[in-house]
Amino acid sequence: MNGRGRKIAVGLREFYYAPYRQTFARARQEEDDLFLMLVLSEALGVPNPASYYTIELLPVMYDRVHDWHTRMGLDRSPLDQISCC
């Protein structure tokens, strides 16, 4: 594809994607929050049948706890083991 065709393709993709950008971002954030809750469910007191598989992800999720609890409107982390503030 030449430069002009590429610009047209990018413009068309943006034309169709732009109205739904916020919806896609919100859906992605909800999926990320659900995944965070799945990984941290043991710390919240909910039995997790997949804890053996999710234990490796805990260090990665600890970095995201602060963003999550501030987005949920909590001043401090609800998890006793994790104090990020």
N, C-alpha and C. Protein backbone atom coordinates (compact mmCIF):
# COMPACT_ATOMS: atom_id res chain seq x y z
N MET A 1 0.84 -1.17 0.00
CA MET A 1 0.00 0.00 0.00
C MET A 1 0.90 1.24 0.00
N ASN A 2 0.54 2.20 -0.77
CA ASN A 2 1.34 3.42 -0.82
C ASN A 2 0.98 4.33 0.37
N GLY A 3 1.65 5.46 0.46
CA GLY A 3 1.46 6.37 1.59
C GLY A 3 0.04 6.92 1.67
N ARG A 4 -0.55 7.22 0.54
CA ARG A 4 -1.90 7.77 0.53
C ARG A 4 -2.93 6.73 0.98
N GLY A 5 -2.79 5.51 0.49
CA GLY A 5 -3.70 4.44 0.89
C GLY A 5 -3.59 4.12 2.38
N ARG A 6 -2.37 4.20 2.89
CA ARG A 6 -2.15 3.95 4.31
C ARG A 6 -2.83 5.03 5.15
N LYS A 7 -2.74 6.28 4.72
CA LYS A 7 -3.39 7.38 5.44
C LYS A 7 -4.91 7.21 5.44
N ILE A 8 -5.44 6.77 4.33
CA ILE A 8 -6.88 6.54 4.24
C ILE A 8 -7.29 5.40 5.17
N ALA A 9 -6.51 4.34 5.20
CA ALA A 9 -6.83 3.21 6.08
C ALA A 9 -6.78 3.63 7.54
N VAL A 10 -5.78 4.42 7.93
CA VAL A 10 -5.68 4.89 9.31
C VAL A 10 -6.85 5.81 9.63
N GLY A 11 -7.21 6.68 8.70
CA GLY A 11 -8.35 7.58 8.91
C GLY A 11 -9.66 6.83 9.07
N LEU A 12 -9.88 5.82 8.25
CA LEU A 12 -11.11 5.02 8.37
C LEU A 12 -11.16 4.26 9.69
N ARG A 13 -10.02 3.69 10.08
CA ARG A 13 -10.00 2.97 11.36
C ARG A 13 -10.29 3.92 12.51
N GLU A 14 -9.73 5.11 12.47
CA GLU A 14 -9.98 6.10 13.52
C GLU A 14 -11.44 6.56 13.49
N PHE A 15 -12.01 6.69 12.32
CA PHE A 15 -13.40 7.10 12.18
C PHE A 15 -14.35 6.10 12.85
N TYR A 16 -14.07 4.82 12.68
CA TYR A 16 -14.94 3.81 13.27
C TYR A 16 -14.61 3.54 14.73
N TYR A 17 -13.38 3.73 15.14
CA TYR A 17 -12.95 3.42 16.50
C TYR A 17 -13.23 4.55 17.48
N ALA A 18 -13.14 5.79 17.05
CA ALA A 18 -13.23 6.96 17.94
C ALA A 18 -14.51 7.00 18.79
N PRO A 19 -15.69 6.73 18.26
CA PRO A 19 -16.89 6.82 19.10
C PRO A 19 -16.91 5.79 20.24
N TYR A 20 -16.17 4.74 20.10
CA TYR A 20 -16.20 3.66 21.09
C TYR A 20 -14.96 3.59 21.96
N ARG A 21 -14.06 4.55 21.83
CA ARG A 21 -12.80 4.54 22.57
C ARG A 21 -13.03 4.49 24.08
N GLN A 22 -13.93 5.31 24.59
CA GLN A 22 -14.19 5.34 26.02
C GLN A 22 -14.84 4.03 26.48
N THR A 23 -15.72 3.48 25.68
CA THR A 23 -16.36 2.22 26.02
C THR A 23 -15.35 1.08 26.09
N PHE A 24 -14.45 1.03 25.13
CA PHE A 24 -13.40 0.01 25.13
C PHE A 24 -12.48 0.17 26.33
N ALA A 25 -12.13 1.41 26.66
CA ALA A 25 -11.25 1.64 27.81
C ALA A 25 -11.92 1.23 29.10
N ARG A 26 -13.20 1.52 29.25
CA ARG A 26 -13.93 1.14 30.46
C ARG A 26 -14.04 -0.39 30.58
N ALA A 27 -14.33 -1.06 29.47
CA ALA A 27 -14.43 -2.52 29.49
C ALA A 27 -13.08 -3.14 29.84
N ARG A 28 -12.03 -2.58 29.30
CA ARG A 28 -10.68 -3.10 29.61
C ARG A 28 -10.35 -2.91 31.09
N GLN A 29 -10.72 -1.75 31.65
CA GLN A 29 -10.46 -1.49 33.06
C GLN A 29 -11.26 -2.43 33.95
N GLU A 30 -12.50 -2.71 33.58
CA GLU A 30 -13.31 -3.65 34.36
C GLU A 30 -12.72 -5.06 34.32
N GLU A 31 -12.22 -5.47 33.18
CA GLU A 31 -11.58 -6.79 33.08
C GLU A 31 -10.31 -6.84 33.92
N ASP A 32 -9.54 -5.76 33.92
CA ASP A 32 -8.33 -5.72 34.73
C ASP A 32 -8.66 -5.77 36.22
N ASP A 33 -9.73 -5.08 36.64
CA ASP A 33 -10.15 -5.11 38.04
C ASP A 33 -10.61 -6.50 38.45
N LEU A 34 -11.35 -7.16 37.57
CA LEU A 34 -11.80 -8.52 37.86
C LEU A 34 -10.61 -9.47 38.00
N PHE A 35 -9.64 -9.35 37.13
CA PHE A 35 -8.45 -10.19 37.20
C PHE A 35 -7.68 -9.91 38.49
N LEU A 36 -7.58 -8.65 38.88
CA LEU A 36 -6.91 -8.29 40.13
C LEU A 36 -7.62 -8.93 41.32
N MET A 37 -8.93 -8.91 41.31
CA MET A 37 -9.68 -9.52 42.40
C MET A 37 -9.52 -11.04 42.42
N LEU A 38 -9.42 -11.64 41.26
CA LEU A 38 -9.19 -13.08 41.20
C LEU A 38 -7.85 -13.44 41.81
N VAL A 39 -6.81 -12.68 41.46
CA VAL A 39 -5.48 -12.98 41.97
C VAL A 39 -5.38 -12.69 43.46
N LEU A 40 -6.00 -11.61 43.93
CA LEU A 40 -5.90 -11.21 45.33
C LEU A 40 -7.05 -11.74 46.19
N SER A 41 -7.83 -12.66 45.69
CA SER A 41 -9.00 -13.11 46.43
C SER A 41 -8.64 -13.78 47.77
N GLU A 42 -7.53 -14.49 47.82
CA GLU A 42 -7.10 -15.11 49.08
C GLU A 42 -6.82 -14.04 50.13
N ALA A 43 -6.22 -12.94 49.74
CA ALA A 43 -5.93 -11.84 50.68
C ALA A 43 -7.21 -11.17 51.14
N LEU A 44 -8.27 -11.23 50.34
CA LEU A 44 -9.55 -10.65 50.70
C LEU A 44 -10.41 -11.60 51.51
N GLY A 45 -9.96 -12.83 51.69
CA GLY A 45 -10.70 -13.80 52.48
C GLY A 45 -11.66 -14.66 51.67
N VAL A 46 -11.55 -14.64 50.37
CA VAL A 46 -12.40 -15.44 49.50
C VAL A 46 -11.59 -16.64 49.04
N PRO A 47 -12.09 -17.85 49.24
CA PRO A 47 -11.33 -19.02 48.78
C PRO A 47 -11.14 -19.00 47.27
N ASN A 48 -9.94 -19.24 46.86
CA ASN A 48 -9.61 -19.21 45.43
C ASN A 48 -9.14 -20.59 45.01
N PRO A 49 -9.92 -21.29 44.20
CA PRO A 49 -9.50 -22.63 43.77
C PRO A 49 -8.30 -22.59 42.83
N ALA A 50 -8.01 -21.45 42.25
CA ALA A 50 -6.89 -21.33 41.31
C ALA A 50 -5.69 -20.65 41.95
N SER A 51 -5.62 -20.63 43.28
CA SER A 51 -4.53 -19.91 43.95
C SER A 51 -3.16 -20.49 43.61
N TYR A 52 -3.10 -21.78 43.37
CA TYR A 52 -1.82 -22.39 43.00
C TYR A 52 -1.27 -21.77 41.71
N TYR A 53 -2.16 -21.43 40.79
CA TYR A 53 -1.74 -20.88 39.51
C TYR A 53 -1.56 -19.36 39.54
N THR A 54 -2.27 -18.70 40.44
CA THR A 54 -2.19 -17.24 40.48
C THR A 54 -1.14 -16.71 41.45
N ILE A 55 -0.53 -17.56 42.24
CA ILE A 55 0.45 -17.12 43.23
C ILE A 55 1.65 -16.45 42.55
N GLU A 56 2.00 -16.88 41.36
CA GLU A 56 3.12 -16.28 40.65
C GLU A 56 2.83 -14.84 40.21
N LEU A 57 1.57 -14.48 40.12
CA LEU A 57 1.19 -13.15 39.65
C LEU A 57 1.11 -12.12 40.77
N LEU A 58 1.22 -12.54 42.01
CA LEU A 58 1.08 -11.60 43.12
C LEU A 58 2.05 -10.42 43.07
N PRO A 59 3.33 -10.63 42.82
CA PRO A 59 4.23 -9.46 42.77
C PRO A 59 3.83 -8.43 41.71
N VAL A 60 3.31 -8.89 40.61
CA VAL A 60 2.88 -7.97 39.56
C VAL A 60 1.63 -7.21 40.00
N MET A 61 0.72 -7.90 40.68
CA MET A 61 -0.53 -7.28 41.11
C MET A 61 -0.33 -6.31 42.26
N TYR A 62 0.68 -6.53 43.10
CA TYR A 62 0.92 -5.62 44.22
C TYR A 62 1.20 -4.21 43.73
N ASP A 63 1.81 -4.09 42.57
CA ASP A 63 2.08 -2.76 42.01
C ASP A 63 0.81 -2.04 41.60
N ARG A 64 -0.23 -2.76 41.30
CA ARG A 64 -1.48 -2.17 40.82
C ARG A 64 -2.50 -1.91 41.93
N VAL A 65 -2.24 -2.33 43.15
CA VAL A 65 -3.22 -2.21 44.23
C VAL A 65 -3.52 -0.74 44.53
N HIS A 66 -2.52 0.10 44.55
CA HIS A 66 -2.75 1.51 44.87
C HIS A 66 -3.68 2.17 43.85
N ASP A 67 -3.42 1.93 42.57
CA ASP A 67 -4.30 2.49 41.54
C ASP A 67 -5.72 1.98 41.68
N TRP A 68 -5.85 0.71 42.01
CA TRP A 68 -7.17 0.11 42.14
C TRP A 68 -7.95 0.71 43.30
N HIS A 69 -7.35 0.78 44.49
CA HIS A 69 -8.13 1.24 45.63
C HIS A 69 -8.43 2.73 45.56
N THR A 70 -7.58 3.52 44.92
CA THR A 70 -7.94 4.93 44.74
C THR A 70 -9.05 5.08 43.71
N ARG A 71 -9.07 4.24 42.68
CA ARG A 71 -10.15 4.28 41.69
C ARG A 71 -11.48 3.84 42.31
N MET A 72 -11.42 2.95 43.28
CA MET A 72 -12.63 2.49 43.96
C MET A 72 -13.10 3.47 45.04
N GLY A 73 -12.33 4.51 45.29
CA GLY A 73 -12.73 5.52 46.27
C GLY A 73 -12.30 5.21 47.69
N LEU A 74 -11.37 4.29 47.87
CA LEU A 74 -10.89 3.94 49.19
C LEU A 74 -9.62 4.74 49.50
N ASP A 75 -9.55 5.31 50.70
CA ASP A 75 -8.38 6.10 51.08
C ASP A 75 -7.15 5.21 51.28
N ARG A 76 -7.37 4.05 51.85
CA ARG A 76 -6.28 3.12 52.14
C ARG A 76 -6.60 1.76 51.54
N SER A 77 -5.59 0.95 51.43
CA SER A 77 -5.78 -0.39 50.88
C SER A 77 -6.62 -1.24 51.84
N PRO A 78 -7.61 -1.95 51.34
CA PRO A 78 -8.42 -2.81 52.20
C PRO A 78 -7.71 -4.11 52.58
N LEU A 79 -6.56 -4.36 52.00
CA LEU A 79 -5.83 -5.59 52.26
C LEU A 79 -4.86 -5.37 53.41
N ASP A 80 -4.92 -6.24 54.41
CA ASP A 80 -4.05 -6.11 55.57
C ASP A 80 -2.58 -6.35 55.23
N GLN A 81 -2.33 -7.24 54.30
CA GLN A 81 -0.96 -7.60 53.95
C GLN A 81 -0.28 -6.56 53.08
N ILE A 82 -1.07 -5.73 52.40
CA ILE A 82 -0.53 -4.77 51.45
C ILE A 82 -0.86 -3.36 51.93
N SER A 83 0.15 -2.62 52.32
CA SER A 83 -0.07 -1.22 52.70
C SER A 83 0.74 -0.36 51.76
N CYS A 84 0.08 0.22 50.80
CA CYS A 84 0.79 0.98 49.78
C CYS A 84 0.80 2.48 50.09
N CYS A 85 -0.04 2.93 50.99
CA CYS A 85 -0.12 4.37 51.27
C CYS A 85 0.47 4.70 52.62
